């Protein structure tokens, strides 16, 4: 039987990430590199697909063990930092309680627009890979 409960240690890591996002990451838009070799190797080795929220990417995501699809709209007069977009969506998913555990090992993630009508991110990832992904994203 699956327990579907996020562990206390994972909750603590999520809380720490919220603080780190607010105090450090938020200010670093434009400084991350989606094409970073270490990040791309990690994604490939763990069969994680990152893509846009569109039909083409949804079809591609279905071919992988794990995926996160998210809005990546370029802010006006700013660099389109895909990693920063994803880090923000992950932060929102945690902060708004839209991360749940499916079974013993999988997190289902969601981020919604402020009015709650539009999905901005959706994903499914192994709970152990979730924090490793955040670390690889931050280290780009």
N, C-alpha and C. Protein backbone atom coordinates (compact mmCIF):
# COMPACT_ATOMS: atom_id res chain seq x y z
N UNK A 1 0.84 -1.18 0.00
CA UNK A 1 0.00 0.00 0.00
C UNK A 1 0.88 1.25 0.00
N UNK A 2 0.56 2.19 -0.85
CA UNK A 2 1.32 3.44 -0.95
C UNK A 2 0.95 4.37 0.20
N UNK A 3 1.95 5.10 0.70
CA UNK A 3 1.65 5.97 1.82
C UNK A 3 1.24 7.38 1.40
N UNK A 4 1.65 7.83 0.21
CA UNK A 4 1.25 9.13 -0.32
C UNK A 4 1.55 10.31 0.62
N UNK A 5 2.46 10.15 1.53
CA UNK A 5 2.79 11.21 2.48
C UNK A 5 4.20 11.71 2.21
N UNK A 6 4.32 13.02 2.07
CA UNK A 6 5.64 13.63 1.88
C UNK A 6 6.35 13.58 3.22
N UNK A 7 7.56 13.05 3.22
CA UNK A 7 8.30 12.88 4.47
C UNK A 7 8.63 14.22 5.12
N UNK A 8 8.86 14.18 6.42
CA UNK A 8 9.22 15.40 7.14
C UNK A 8 10.54 15.98 6.62
N UNK A 9 11.48 15.11 6.29
CA UNK A 9 12.76 15.62 5.77
C UNK A 9 12.58 16.29 4.41
N UNK A 10 11.71 15.73 3.56
CA UNK A 10 11.45 16.37 2.27
C UNK A 10 10.71 17.69 2.46
N UNK A 11 9.80 17.75 3.41
CA UNK A 11 9.11 19.01 3.71
C UNK A 11 10.11 20.06 4.17
N UNK A 12 11.06 19.66 4.97
CA UNK A 12 12.10 20.60 5.45
C UNK A 12 12.94 21.09 4.27
N UNK A 13 13.30 20.19 3.35
CA UNK A 13 14.07 20.60 2.17
C UNK A 13 13.26 21.57 1.31
N UNK A 14 11.97 21.31 1.18
CA UNK A 14 11.11 22.20 0.41
C UNK A 14 11.04 23.58 1.05
N UNK A 15 10.91 23.60 2.36
CA UNK A 15 10.88 24.87 3.09
C UNK A 15 12.19 25.62 2.90
N UNK A 16 13.31 24.92 2.99
CA UNK A 16 14.61 25.55 2.77
C UNK A 16 14.70 26.13 1.35
N UNK A 17 14.16 25.40 0.38
CA UNK A 17 14.19 25.88 -1.00
C UNK A 17 13.37 27.16 -1.14
N UNK A 18 12.23 27.24 -0.47
CA UNK A 18 11.41 28.46 -0.54
C UNK A 18 12.22 29.67 -0.08
N UNK A 19 12.94 29.51 1.01
CA UNK A 19 13.78 30.60 1.52
C UNK A 19 14.90 30.94 0.57
N UNK A 20 15.55 29.91 0.03
CA UNK A 20 16.66 30.14 -0.89
C UNK A 20 16.16 30.84 -2.16
N UNK A 21 15.00 30.42 -2.64
CA UNK A 21 14.45 31.06 -3.83
C UNK A 21 14.22 32.55 -3.56
N UNK A 22 13.57 32.83 -2.46
CA UNK A 22 13.20 34.21 -2.13
C UNK A 22 14.43 35.09 -1.90
N UNK A 23 15.44 34.54 -1.24
CA UNK A 23 16.59 35.34 -0.85
C UNK A 23 17.74 35.36 -1.85
N UNK A 24 17.83 34.36 -2.71
CA UNK A 24 18.98 34.26 -3.61
C UNK A 24 18.56 34.12 -5.08
N UNK A 25 17.83 33.07 -5.38
CA UNK A 25 17.54 32.70 -6.77
C UNK A 25 16.71 33.75 -7.49
N UNK A 26 15.72 34.29 -6.82
CA UNK A 26 14.79 35.26 -7.43
C UNK A 26 15.55 36.41 -8.10
N UNK A 27 16.64 36.83 -7.50
CA UNK A 27 17.42 37.98 -7.98
C UNK A 27 18.36 37.63 -9.13
N UNK A 28 18.46 36.35 -9.48
CA UNK A 28 19.47 35.91 -10.45
C UNK A 28 18.90 35.60 -11.83
N UNK A 29 17.74 36.14 -12.17
CA UNK A 29 17.17 35.90 -13.50
C UNK A 29 18.18 36.33 -14.55
N UNK A 30 18.35 35.49 -15.57
CA UNK A 30 19.28 35.79 -16.65
C UNK A 30 20.67 35.23 -16.43
N UNK A 31 20.91 34.59 -15.28
CA UNK A 31 22.24 34.10 -14.96
C UNK A 31 22.37 32.57 -15.05
N UNK A 32 21.27 31.89 -15.38
CA UNK A 32 21.28 30.43 -15.45
C UNK A 32 21.41 29.97 -16.90
N UNK A 33 21.90 28.74 -17.09
CA UNK A 33 22.17 28.22 -18.43
C UNK A 33 21.48 26.88 -18.64
N UNK A 34 20.38 26.90 -19.38
CA UNK A 34 19.63 25.68 -19.65
C UNK A 34 20.47 24.65 -20.40
N UNK A 35 21.39 25.09 -21.22
CA UNK A 35 22.21 24.18 -22.03
C UNK A 35 23.45 23.67 -21.30
N UNK A 36 23.54 23.95 -20.02
CA UNK A 36 24.66 23.49 -19.21
C UNK A 36 24.84 21.98 -19.38
N UNK A 37 26.07 21.56 -19.66
CA UNK A 37 26.36 20.15 -19.94
C UNK A 37 25.98 19.23 -18.77
N UNK A 38 26.30 19.64 -17.55
CA UNK A 38 25.97 18.81 -16.38
C UNK A 38 24.46 18.64 -16.23
N UNK A 39 23.71 19.72 -16.43
CA UNK A 39 22.26 19.63 -16.35
C UNK A 39 21.72 18.70 -17.44
N UNK A 40 22.17 18.88 -18.65
CA UNK A 40 21.67 18.05 -19.75
C UNK A 40 22.04 16.58 -19.57
N UNK A 41 23.22 16.30 -19.05
CA UNK A 41 23.61 14.91 -18.76
C UNK A 41 22.73 14.31 -17.67
N UNK A 42 22.42 15.10 -16.64
CA UNK A 42 21.55 14.63 -15.55
C UNK A 42 20.16 14.31 -16.10
N UNK A 43 19.61 15.20 -16.92
CA UNK A 43 18.28 14.98 -17.49
C UNK A 43 18.26 13.72 -18.34
N UNK A 44 19.28 13.55 -19.16
CA UNK A 44 19.36 12.39 -20.04
C UNK A 44 19.53 11.10 -19.25
N UNK A 45 20.43 11.10 -18.29
CA UNK A 45 20.71 9.90 -17.49
C UNK A 45 19.50 9.44 -16.69
N UNK A 46 18.62 10.38 -16.33
CA UNK A 46 17.46 10.05 -15.49
C UNK A 46 16.15 10.08 -16.26
N UNK A 47 16.24 10.19 -17.59
CA UNK A 47 15.07 10.19 -18.48
C UNK A 47 14.02 11.22 -18.04
N UNK A 48 14.51 12.45 -17.82
CA UNK A 48 13.63 13.56 -17.43
C UNK A 48 13.50 14.49 -18.63
N UNK A 49 12.28 14.75 -19.02
CA UNK A 49 12.01 15.67 -20.13
C UNK A 49 11.49 16.99 -19.59
N UNK A 50 12.11 18.09 -20.01
CA UNK A 50 11.65 19.43 -19.67
C UNK A 50 11.18 20.08 -20.96
N UNK A 51 9.98 20.65 -20.95
CA UNK A 51 9.48 21.26 -22.18
C UNK A 51 8.40 22.28 -21.91
N UNK A 52 7.89 22.81 -22.99
CA UNK A 52 6.83 23.82 -22.92
C UNK A 52 5.47 23.15 -22.72
N UNK A 53 4.51 23.95 -22.34
CA UNK A 53 3.14 23.48 -22.17
C UNK A 53 2.42 23.57 -23.52
N UNK A 54 2.74 22.66 -24.43
CA UNK A 54 2.04 22.61 -25.70
C UNK A 54 1.87 21.15 -26.11
N UNK A 55 1.11 20.92 -27.15
CA UNK A 55 0.79 19.55 -27.56
C UNK A 55 2.03 18.78 -28.00
N UNK A 56 2.91 19.43 -28.72
CA UNK A 56 4.13 18.76 -29.19
C UNK A 56 4.95 18.25 -28.01
N UNK A 57 5.14 19.10 -27.02
CA UNK A 57 5.93 18.71 -25.85
C UNK A 57 5.20 17.67 -25.00
N UNK A 58 3.87 17.74 -24.95
CA UNK A 58 3.11 16.75 -24.20
C UNK A 58 3.30 15.36 -24.81
N UNK A 59 3.33 15.29 -26.13
CA UNK A 59 3.56 14.01 -26.81
C UNK A 59 4.97 13.50 -26.52
N UNK A 60 5.94 14.41 -26.55
CA UNK A 60 7.33 14.03 -26.28
C UNK A 60 7.49 13.58 -24.83
N UNK A 61 6.83 14.29 -23.90
CA UNK A 61 6.93 13.97 -22.48
C UNK A 61 6.44 12.55 -22.20
N UNK A 62 5.44 12.12 -22.92
CA UNK A 62 4.87 10.78 -22.72
C UNK A 62 5.87 9.67 -23.02
N UNK A 63 6.94 9.98 -23.73
CA UNK A 63 7.96 9.00 -24.09
C UNK A 63 9.02 8.85 -23.00
N UNK A 64 8.93 9.63 -21.94
CA UNK A 64 9.96 9.65 -20.90
C UNK A 64 9.40 9.19 -19.56
N UNK A 65 10.30 8.72 -18.69
CA UNK A 65 9.88 8.29 -17.35
C UNK A 65 9.32 9.45 -16.54
N UNK A 66 9.96 10.61 -16.65
CA UNK A 66 9.57 11.79 -15.87
C UNK A 66 9.55 13.01 -16.78
N UNK A 67 8.69 13.96 -16.44
CA UNK A 67 8.65 15.17 -17.26
C UNK A 67 8.11 16.33 -16.45
N UNK A 68 8.51 17.52 -16.86
CA UNK A 68 7.96 18.75 -16.32
C UNK A 68 7.75 19.68 -17.51
N UNK A 69 6.50 20.08 -17.69
CA UNK A 69 6.15 21.00 -18.76
C UNK A 69 5.75 22.32 -18.10
N UNK A 70 6.26 23.43 -18.65
CA UNK A 70 6.02 24.71 -17.98
C UNK A 70 6.03 25.88 -18.95
N UNK A 71 5.37 26.94 -18.53
CA UNK A 71 5.32 28.19 -19.28
C UNK A 71 6.72 28.79 -19.28
N UNK A 72 7.15 29.25 -20.44
CA UNK A 72 8.51 29.78 -20.58
C UNK A 72 8.50 31.12 -21.32
N UNK A 73 7.46 31.90 -21.12
CA UNK A 73 7.32 33.16 -21.83
C UNK A 73 8.40 34.15 -21.45
N UNK A 74 9.03 34.73 -22.46
CA UNK A 74 10.11 35.70 -22.25
C UNK A 74 9.53 37.01 -21.72
N UNK A 75 10.01 37.48 -20.57
CA UNK A 75 9.56 38.78 -20.08
C UNK A 75 10.05 39.88 -21.03
N UNK A 76 9.23 40.91 -21.21
CA UNK A 76 9.59 41.98 -22.12
C UNK A 76 10.90 42.64 -21.69
N UNK A 77 11.78 42.85 -22.65
CA UNK A 77 13.08 43.50 -22.44
C UNK A 77 13.98 42.74 -21.46
N UNK A 78 13.79 41.43 -21.34
CA UNK A 78 14.60 40.61 -20.43
C UNK A 78 15.14 39.39 -21.18
N UNK A 79 16.16 38.77 -20.64
CA UNK A 79 16.67 37.52 -21.15
C UNK A 79 15.68 36.41 -20.81
N UNK A 80 15.44 35.49 -21.75
CA UNK A 80 14.53 34.38 -21.47
C UNK A 80 15.31 33.26 -20.79
N UNK A 81 15.31 33.29 -19.48
CA UNK A 81 16.06 32.34 -18.67
C UNK A 81 15.15 31.16 -18.33
N UNK A 82 15.25 30.09 -19.11
CA UNK A 82 14.37 28.93 -18.96
C UNK A 82 14.55 28.27 -17.59
N UNK A 83 15.79 28.19 -17.12
CA UNK A 83 16.05 27.58 -15.80
C UNK A 83 15.37 28.40 -14.71
N UNK A 84 15.48 29.71 -14.79
CA UNK A 84 14.85 30.57 -13.78
C UNK A 84 13.34 30.40 -13.81
N UNK A 85 12.75 30.30 -15.01
CA UNK A 85 11.31 30.03 -15.12
C UNK A 85 10.95 28.77 -14.33
N UNK A 86 11.71 27.69 -14.58
CA UNK A 86 11.40 26.42 -13.93
C UNK A 86 11.59 26.51 -12.42
N UNK A 87 12.66 27.13 -11.98
CA UNK A 87 12.88 27.28 -10.53
C UNK A 87 11.72 28.05 -9.89
N UNK A 88 11.20 29.07 -10.59
CA UNK A 88 10.07 29.83 -10.07
C UNK A 88 8.81 28.96 -10.00
N UNK A 89 8.55 28.19 -11.05
CA UNK A 89 7.37 27.32 -11.06
C UNK A 89 7.46 26.26 -9.96
N UNK A 90 8.65 25.71 -9.75
CA UNK A 90 8.83 24.73 -8.68
C UNK A 90 8.57 25.38 -7.32
N UNK A 91 9.06 26.60 -7.15
CA UNK A 91 8.82 27.35 -5.91
C UNK A 91 7.32 27.54 -5.70
N UNK A 92 6.62 27.95 -6.76
CA UNK A 92 5.18 28.19 -6.65
C UNK A 92 4.42 26.91 -6.31
N UNK A 93 4.83 25.81 -6.91
CA UNK A 93 4.19 24.53 -6.65
C UNK A 93 4.27 24.17 -5.17
N UNK A 94 5.44 24.36 -4.60
CA UNK A 94 5.65 24.08 -3.18
C UNK A 94 4.88 25.09 -2.32
N UNK A 95 5.07 26.37 -2.60
CA UNK A 95 4.50 27.42 -1.76
C UNK A 95 2.97 27.40 -1.74
N UNK A 96 2.35 26.98 -2.83
CA UNK A 96 0.89 26.97 -2.92
C UNK A 96 0.29 25.59 -2.66
N UNK A 97 1.13 24.67 -2.17
CA UNK A 97 0.64 23.35 -1.80
C UNK A 97 0.16 22.52 -2.97
N UNK A 98 0.78 22.71 -4.12
CA UNK A 98 0.38 21.96 -5.30
C UNK A 98 1.43 20.91 -5.68
N UNK A 99 1.97 20.30 -4.67
CA UNK A 99 2.88 19.17 -4.86
C UNK A 99 2.34 18.04 -3.99
N UNK A 100 2.09 16.92 -4.60
CA UNK A 100 1.56 15.78 -3.85
C UNK A 100 2.40 14.55 -4.18
N UNK A 101 2.33 13.60 -3.32
CA UNK A 101 3.08 12.36 -3.52
C UNK A 101 2.11 11.28 -4.02
N UNK A 102 2.50 10.67 -5.13
CA UNK A 102 1.74 9.56 -5.70
C UNK A 102 2.52 8.30 -5.40
N UNK A 103 1.93 7.42 -4.65
CA UNK A 103 2.64 6.21 -4.27
C UNK A 103 3.76 6.53 -3.29
N UNK A 104 4.80 5.72 -3.32
CA UNK A 104 5.91 5.91 -2.38
C UNK A 104 7.03 6.78 -2.93
N UNK A 105 7.06 6.99 -4.25
CA UNK A 105 8.26 7.61 -4.80
C UNK A 105 8.05 8.76 -5.78
N UNK A 106 6.85 9.08 -6.15
CA UNK A 106 6.65 10.04 -7.23
C UNK A 106 5.94 11.30 -6.75
N UNK A 107 6.49 12.45 -7.15
CA UNK A 107 5.84 13.74 -6.88
C UNK A 107 5.09 14.19 -8.11
N UNK A 108 3.87 14.65 -7.91
CA UNK A 108 3.09 15.31 -8.95
C UNK A 108 3.11 16.79 -8.63
N UNK A 109 3.51 17.59 -9.60
CA UNK A 109 3.71 19.02 -9.40
C UNK A 109 2.74 19.80 -10.27
N UNK A 110 2.31 20.96 -9.76
CA UNK A 110 1.46 21.83 -10.55
C UNK A 110 1.68 23.25 -10.10
N UNK A 111 1.65 24.17 -11.05
CA UNK A 111 1.64 25.60 -10.76
C UNK A 111 0.50 26.19 -11.58
N UNK A 112 -0.25 27.08 -10.96
CA UNK A 112 -1.42 27.68 -11.60
C UNK A 112 -1.25 29.20 -11.68
N UNK A 113 -2.00 29.82 -12.57
CA UNK A 113 -2.03 31.28 -12.64
C UNK A 113 -2.63 31.83 -11.34
N UNK A 114 -2.46 33.11 -11.11
CA UNK A 114 -2.95 33.70 -9.86
C UNK A 114 -4.46 33.55 -9.69
N UNK A 115 -5.19 33.54 -10.79
CA UNK A 115 -6.64 33.37 -10.67
C UNK A 115 -7.05 31.89 -10.59
N UNK A 116 -6.06 30.98 -10.70
CA UNK A 116 -6.32 29.55 -10.56
C UNK A 116 -6.97 28.90 -11.76
N UNK A 117 -7.03 29.60 -12.88
CA UNK A 117 -7.71 29.07 -14.06
C UNK A 117 -6.79 28.44 -15.10
N UNK A 118 -5.52 28.80 -15.06
CA UNK A 118 -4.60 28.34 -16.09
C UNK A 118 -3.43 27.59 -15.48
N UNK A 119 -3.16 26.41 -16.01
CA UNK A 119 -2.00 25.64 -15.58
C UNK A 119 -0.75 26.29 -16.16
N UNK A 120 0.22 26.58 -15.31
CA UNK A 120 1.49 27.19 -15.73
C UNK A 120 2.62 26.16 -15.73
N UNK A 121 2.46 25.08 -14.97
CA UNK A 121 3.44 24.00 -14.93
C UNK A 121 2.73 22.74 -14.48
N UNK A 122 3.15 21.63 -15.04
CA UNK A 122 2.68 20.33 -14.59
C UNK A 122 3.85 19.35 -14.72
N UNK A 123 3.97 18.45 -13.78
CA UNK A 123 5.08 17.53 -13.86
C UNK A 123 4.92 16.30 -12.99
N UNK A 124 5.74 15.33 -13.29
CA UNK A 124 5.81 14.09 -12.52
C UNK A 124 7.27 13.69 -12.47
N UNK A 125 7.78 13.51 -11.24
CA UNK A 125 9.20 13.20 -11.08
C UNK A 125 9.41 12.37 -9.81
N UNK A 126 10.38 11.50 -9.85
CA UNK A 126 10.76 10.72 -8.68
C UNK A 126 11.14 11.67 -7.54
N UNK A 127 10.69 11.37 -6.35
CA UNK A 127 10.94 12.27 -5.21
C UNK A 127 12.42 12.47 -4.93
N UNK A 128 13.23 11.46 -5.16
CA UNK A 128 14.68 11.59 -4.94
C UNK A 128 15.32 12.46 -6.03
N UNK A 129 14.81 12.36 -7.23
CA UNK A 129 15.35 13.16 -8.33
C UNK A 129 14.92 14.63 -8.24
N UNK A 130 13.81 14.87 -7.58
CA UNK A 130 13.28 16.24 -7.48
C UNK A 130 14.32 17.20 -6.90
N UNK A 131 14.89 16.85 -5.78
CA UNK A 131 15.86 17.74 -5.13
C UNK A 131 17.19 17.78 -5.89
N UNK A 132 17.54 16.66 -6.51
CA UNK A 132 18.76 16.66 -7.34
C UNK A 132 18.56 17.58 -8.54
N UNK A 133 17.36 17.55 -9.14
CA UNK A 133 17.07 18.43 -10.26
C UNK A 133 17.22 19.89 -9.84
N UNK A 134 16.67 20.24 -8.70
CA UNK A 134 16.79 21.62 -8.22
C UNK A 134 18.26 21.99 -8.08
N UNK A 135 19.05 21.11 -7.51
CA UNK A 135 20.49 21.39 -7.35
C UNK A 135 21.18 21.58 -8.70
N UNK A 136 20.89 20.71 -9.66
CA UNK A 136 21.50 20.85 -10.98
C UNK A 136 21.06 22.16 -11.65
N UNK A 137 19.79 22.52 -11.51
CA UNK A 137 19.30 23.78 -12.08
C UNK A 137 20.03 24.97 -11.46
N UNK A 138 20.13 24.97 -10.13
CA UNK A 138 20.78 26.08 -9.43
C UNK A 138 22.25 26.21 -9.82
N UNK A 139 22.89 25.09 -10.10
CA UNK A 139 24.33 25.09 -10.39
C UNK A 139 24.67 25.38 -11.84
N UNK A 140 23.68 25.81 -12.62
CA UNK A 140 23.98 26.16 -14.01
C UNK A 140 24.44 27.60 -14.08
